Amino acid sequence: MGYVSETQMLFWGGIGVMAGAAVLAVICLVVFIITGQRLKKKLEEEYGKPQR
């Protein structure tokens, strides 16, 4: 393998960090959607449907 310069390490490291952040964002989104549905169902059971 060839030599990897410091700027290349920073570049590819930044891309790796951004990819990791995107994956974590998707995971958090899925978790929040699932827990939000559960919370909404529980609140509707306890307090009824919201009045508009």
PDB file of N, CA and C in Angstrom:
ATOM      1  N   MET A   1       0.838  -1.186   0.000  1.00  0.00           N
ATOM      2  CA  MET A   1       0.000   0.000   0.000  1.00  0.00           C
ATOM      3  C   MET A   1       0.875   1.238   0.000  1.00  0.00           C
ATOM      4  N   GLY A   2       0.326   2.262  -0.572  1.00  0.00           N
ATOM      5  CA  GLY A   2       1.067   3.506  -0.662  1.00  0.00           C
ATOM      6  C   GLY A   2       0.908   4.352   0.587  1.00  0.00           C
ATOM      7  N   TYR A   3       1.623   5.426   0.584  1.00  0.00           N
ATOM      8  CA  TYR A   3       1.602   6.371   1.685  1.00  0.00           C
ATOM      9  C   TYR A   3       0.281   7.149   1.689  1.00  0.00           C
ATOM     10  N   VAL A   4      -0.325   7.328   2.854  1.00  0.00           N
ATOM     11  CA  VAL A   4      -1.547   8.114   2.996  1.00  0.00           C
ATOM     12  C   VAL A   4      -1.186   9.397   3.732  1.00  0.00           C
ATOM     13  N   SER A   5      -1.413  10.517   3.073  1.00  0.00           N
ATOM     14  CA  SER A   5      -1.041  11.791   3.685  1.00  0.00           C
ATOM     15  C   SER A   5      -2.040  12.165   4.780  1.00  0.00           C
ATOM     16  N   GLU A   6      -1.633  13.141   5.562  1.00  0.00           N
ATOM     17  CA  GLU A   6      -2.469  13.601   6.666  1.00  0.00           C
ATOM     18  C   GLU A   6      -3.784  14.200   6.162  1.00  0.00           C
ATOM     19  N   THR A   7      -3.725  14.931   5.069  1.00  0.00           N
ATOM     20  CA  THR A   7      -4.952  15.528   4.532  1.00  0.00           C
ATOM     21  C   THR A   7      -5.906  14.455   4.011  1.00  0.00           C
ATOM     22  N   GLN A   8      -5.348  13.393   3.430  1.00  0.00           N
ATOM     23  CA  GLN A   8      -6.209  12.303   2.977  1.00  0.00           C
ATOM     24  C   GLN A   8      -6.858  11.596   4.156  1.00  0.00           C
ATOM     25  N   MET A   9      -6.115  11.418   5.240  1.00  0.00           N
ATOM     26  CA  MET A   9      -6.687  10.798   6.434  1.00  0.00           C
ATOM     27  C   MET A   9      -7.809  11.664   6.993  1.00  0.00           C
ATOM     28  N   LEU A  10      -7.613  12.977   7.025  1.00  0.00           N
ATOM     29  CA  LEU A  10      -8.665  13.870   7.502  1.00  0.00           C
ATOM     30  C   LEU A  10      -9.883  13.818   6.586  1.00  0.00           C
ATOM     31  N   PHE A  11      -9.660  13.779   5.283  1.00  0.00           N
ATOM     32  CA  PHE A  11     -10.752  13.730   4.318  1.00  0.00           C
ATOM     33  C   PHE A  11     -11.571  12.459   4.489  1.00  0.00           C
ATOM     34  N   TRP A  12     -10.904  11.297   4.456  1.00  0.00           N
ATOM     35  CA  TRP A  12     -11.620  10.028   4.560  1.00  0.00           C
ATOM     36  C   TRP A  12     -12.181   9.824   5.962  1.00  0.00           C
ATOM     37  N   GLY A  13     -11.499  10.327   6.968  1.00  0.00           N
ATOM     38  CA  GLY A  13     -12.029  10.254   8.330  1.00  0.00           C
ATOM     39  C   GLY A  13     -13.304  11.075   8.467  1.00  0.00           C
ATOM     40  N   GLY A  14     -13.326  12.242   7.838  1.00  0.00           N
ATOM     41  CA  GLY A  14     -14.530  13.081   7.869  1.00  0.00           C
ATOM     42  C   GLY A  14     -15.693  12.423   7.160  1.00  0.00           C
ATOM     43  N   ILE A  15     -15.406  11.787   6.029  1.00  0.00           N
ATOM     44  CA  ILE A  15     -16.469  11.060   5.326  1.00  0.00           C
ATOM     45  C   ILE A  15     -16.984   9.911   6.188  1.00  0.00           C
ATOM     46  N   GLY A  16     -16.084   9.224   6.874  1.00  0.00           N
ATOM     47  CA  GLY A  16     -16.489   8.131   7.769  1.00  0.00           C
ATOM     48  C   GLY A  16     -17.355   8.621   8.913  1.00  0.00           C
ATOM     49  N   VAL A  17     -16.984   9.746   9.497  1.00  0.00           N
ATOM     50  CA  VAL A  17     -17.769  10.316  10.595  1.00  0.00           C
ATOM     51  C   VAL A  17     -19.152  10.740  10.101  1.00  0.00           C
ATOM     52  N   MET A  18     -19.212  11.346   8.918  1.00  0.00           N
ATOM     53  CA  MET A  18     -20.515  11.750   8.364  1.00  0.00           C
ATOM     54  C   MET A  18     -21.389  10.534   8.075  1.00  0.00           C
ATOM     55  N   ALA A  19     -20.796   9.473   7.553  1.00  0.00           N
ATOM     56  CA  ALA A  19     -21.562   8.253   7.281  1.00  0.00           C
ATOM     57  C   ALA A  19     -22.081   7.648   8.584  1.00  0.00           C
ATOM     58  N   GLY A  20     -21.237   7.639   9.601  1.00  0.00           N
ATOM     59  CA  GLY A  20     -21.667   7.137  10.910  1.00  0.00           C
ATOM     60  C   GLY A  20     -22.804   7.965  11.498  1.00  0.00           C
ATOM     61  N   ALA A  21     -22.718   9.274  11.351  1.00  0.00           N
ATOM     62  CA  ALA A  21     -23.774  10.150  11.855  1.00  0.00           C
ATOM     63  C   ALA A  21     -25.082   9.916  11.107  1.00  0.00           C
ATOM     64  N   ALA A  22     -24.996   9.671   9.806  1.00  0.00           N
ATOM     65  CA  ALA A  22     -26.205   9.400   9.025  1.00  0.00           C
ATOM     66  C   ALA A  22     -26.854   8.090   9.463  1.00  0.00           C
ATOM     67  N   VAL A  23     -26.049   7.076   9.705  1.00  0.00           N
ATOM     68  CA  VAL A  23     -26.582   5.790  10.157  1.00  0.00           C
ATOM     69  C   VAL A  23     -27.241   5.950  11.527  1.00  0.00           C
ATOM     70  N   LEU A  24     -26.588   6.651  12.439  1.00  0.00           N
ATOM     71  CA  LEU A  24     -27.169   6.869  13.762  1.00  0.00           C
ATOM     72  C   LEU A  24     -28.451   7.693  13.686  1.00  0.00           C
ATOM     73  N   ALA A  25     -28.518   8.651  12.768  1.00  0.00           N
ATOM     74  CA  ALA A  25     -29.730   9.450  12.601  1.00  0.00           C
ATOM     75  C   ALA A  25     -30.896   8.584  12.150  1.00  0.00           C
ATOM     76  N   VAL A  26     -30.643   7.667  11.238  1.00  0.00           N
ATOM     77  CA  VAL A  26     -31.702   6.765  10.772  1.00  0.00           C
ATOM     78  C   VAL A  26     -32.160   5.859  11.906  1.00  0.00           C
ATOM     79  N   ILE A  27     -31.223   5.341  12.687  1.00  0.00           N
ATOM     80  CA  ILE A  27     -31.572   4.480  13.818  1.00  0.00           C
ATOM     81  C   ILE A  27     -32.417   5.250  14.830  1.00  0.00           C
ATOM     82  N   CYS A  28     -32.015   6.473  15.155  1.00  0.00           N
ATOM     83  CA  CYS A  28     -32.776   7.295  16.102  1.00  0.00           C
ATOM     84  C   CYS A  28     -34.168   7.602  15.565  1.00  0.00           C
ATOM     85  N   LEU A  29     -34.272   7.890  14.291  1.00  0.00           N
ATOM     86  CA  LEU A  29     -35.568   8.179  13.682  1.00  0.00           C
ATOM     87  C   LEU A  29     -36.506   6.989  13.822  1.00  0.00           C
ATOM     88  N   VAL A  30     -36.016   5.802  13.540  1.00  0.00           N
ATOM     89  CA  VAL A  30     -36.836   4.594  13.661  1.00  0.00           C
ATOM     90  C   VAL A  30     -37.261   4.387  15.114  1.00  0.00           C
ATOM     91  N   VAL A  31     -36.342   4.545  16.048  1.00  0.00           N
ATOM     92  CA  VAL A  31     -36.669   4.363  17.468  1.00  0.00           C
ATOM     93  C   VAL A  31     -37.714   5.381  17.911  1.00  0.00           C
ATOM     94  N   PHE A  32     -37.565   6.647  17.524  1.00  0.00           N
ATOM     95  CA  PHE A  32     -38.522   7.671  17.925  1.00  0.00           C
ATOM     96  C   PHE A  32     -39.897   7.434  17.317  1.00  0.00           C
ATOM     97  N   ILE A  33     -39.953   6.943  16.093  1.00  0.00           N
ATOM     98  CA  ILE A  33     -41.246   6.650  15.469  1.00  0.00           C
ATOM     99  C   ILE A  33     -41.944   5.520  16.214  1.00  0.00           C
ATOM    100  N   ILE A  34     -41.199   4.463  16.521  1.00  0.00           N
ATOM    101  CA  ILE A  34     -41.793   3.314  17.217  1.00  0.00           C
ATOM    102  C   ILE A  34     -42.255   3.707  18.615  1.00  0.00           C
ATOM    103  N   THR A  35     -41.405   4.391  19.378  1.00  0.00           N
ATOM    104  CA  THR A  35     -41.788   4.763  20.742  1.00  0.00           C
ATOM    105  C   THR A  35     -42.897   5.812  20.728  1.00  0.00           C
ATOM    106  N   GLY A  36     -42.924   6.667  19.718  1.00  0.00           N
ATOM    107  CA  GLY A  36     -43.997   7.659  19.607  1.00  0.00           C
ATOM    108  C   GLY A  36     -45.347   7.006  19.372  1.00  0.00           C
ATOM    109  N   GLN A  37     -45.361   5.953  18.554  1.00  0.00           N
ATOM    110  CA  GLN A  37     -46.611   5.238  18.313  1.00  0.00           C
ATOM    111  C   GLN A  37     -47.095   4.568  19.587  1.00  0.00           C
ATOM    112  N   ARG A  38     -46.176   3.960  20.324  1.00  0.00           N
ATOM    113  CA  ARG A  38     -46.550   3.310  21.589  1.00  0.00           C
ATOM    114  C   ARG A  38     -47.095   4.339  22.579  1.00  0.00           C
ATOM    115  N   LEU A  39     -46.413   5.479  22.678  1.00  0.00           N
ATOM    116  CA  LEU A  39     -46.846   6.524  23.602  1.00  0.00           C
ATOM    117  C   LEU A  39     -48.220   7.060  23.215  1.00  0.00           C
ATOM    118  N   LYS A  40     -48.437   7.285  21.936  1.00  0.00           N
ATOM    119  CA  LYS A  40     -49.732   7.784  21.472  1.00  0.00           C
ATOM    120  C   LYS A  40     -50.837   6.795  21.806  1.00  0.00           C
ATOM    121  N   LYS A  41     -50.589   5.502  21.581  1.00  0.00           N
ATOM    122  CA  LYS A  41     -51.586   4.477  21.881  1.00  0.00           C
ATOM    123  C   LYS A  41     -51.900   4.456  23.373  1.00  0.00           C
ATOM    124  N   LYS A  42     -50.867   4.527  24.207  1.00  0.00           N
ATOM    125  CA  LYS A  42     -51.063   4.489  25.664  1.00  0.00           C
ATOM    126  C   LYS A  42     -51.835   5.724  26.138  1.00  0.00           C
ATOM    127  N   LEU A  43     -51.497   6.900  25.604  1.00  0.00           N
ATOM    128  CA  LEU A  43     -52.199   8.115  26.006  1.00  0.00           C
ATOM    129  C   LEU A  43     -53.652   8.082  25.556  1.00  0.00           C
ATOM    130  N   GLU A  44     -53.926   7.530  24.373  1.00  0.00           N
ATOM    131  CA  GLU A  44     -55.311   7.416  23.929  1.00  0.00           C
ATOM    132  C   GLU A  44     -56.092   6.447  24.793  1.00  0.00           C
ATOM    133  N   GLU A  45     -55.440   5.378  25.264  1.00  0.00           N
ATOM    134  CA  GLU A  45     -56.109   4.434  26.165  1.00  0.00           C
ATOM    135  C   GLU A  45     -56.443   5.102  27.498  1.00  0.00           C
ATOM    136  N   GLU A  46     -55.533   5.905  28.014  1.00  0.00           N
ATOM    137  CA  GLU A  46     -55.730   6.502  29.329  1.00  0.00           C
ATOM    138  C   GLU A  46     -56.627   7.740  29.288  1.00  0.00           C
ATOM    139  N   TYR A  47     -56.507   8.565  28.264  1.00  0.00           N
ATOM    140  CA  TYR A  47     -57.198   9.851  28.239  1.00  0.00           C
ATOM    141  C   TYR A  47     -58.203   9.998  27.106  1.00  0.00           C
ATOM    142  N   GLY A  48     -58.275   9.051  26.194  1.00  0.00           N
ATOM    143  CA  GLY A  48     -59.176   9.146  25.058  1.00  0.00           C
ATOM    144  C   GLY A  48     -58.543   9.902  23.906  1.00  0.00           C
ATOM    145  N   LYS A  49     -59.298   9.966  22.821  1.00  0.00           N
ATOM    146  CA  LYS A  49     -58.813  10.655  21.626  1.00  0.00           C
ATOM    147  C   LYS A  49     -58.710  12.164  21.893  1.00  0.00           C
ATOM    148  N   PRO A  50     -57.709  12.817  21.317  1.00  0.00           N
ATOM    149  CA  PRO A  50     -57.605  14.270  21.506  1.00  0.00           C
ATOM    150  C   PRO A  50     -58.746  15.001  20.806  1.00  0.00           C
ATOM    151  N   GLN A  51     -59.239  16.035  21.460  1.00  0.00           N
ATOM    152  CA  GLN A  51     -60.295  16.842  20.863  1.00  0.00           C
ATOM    153  C   GLN A  51     -59.659  17.925  20.014  1.00  0.00           C
ATOM    154  N   ARG A  52     -60.255  18.169  18.864  1.00  0.00           N
ATOM    155  CA  ARG A  52     -59.699  19.178  17.970  1.00  0.00           C
ATOM    156  C   ARG A  52     -60.597  20.366  17.889  1.00  0.00           C
TER     157      ARG A  52
END
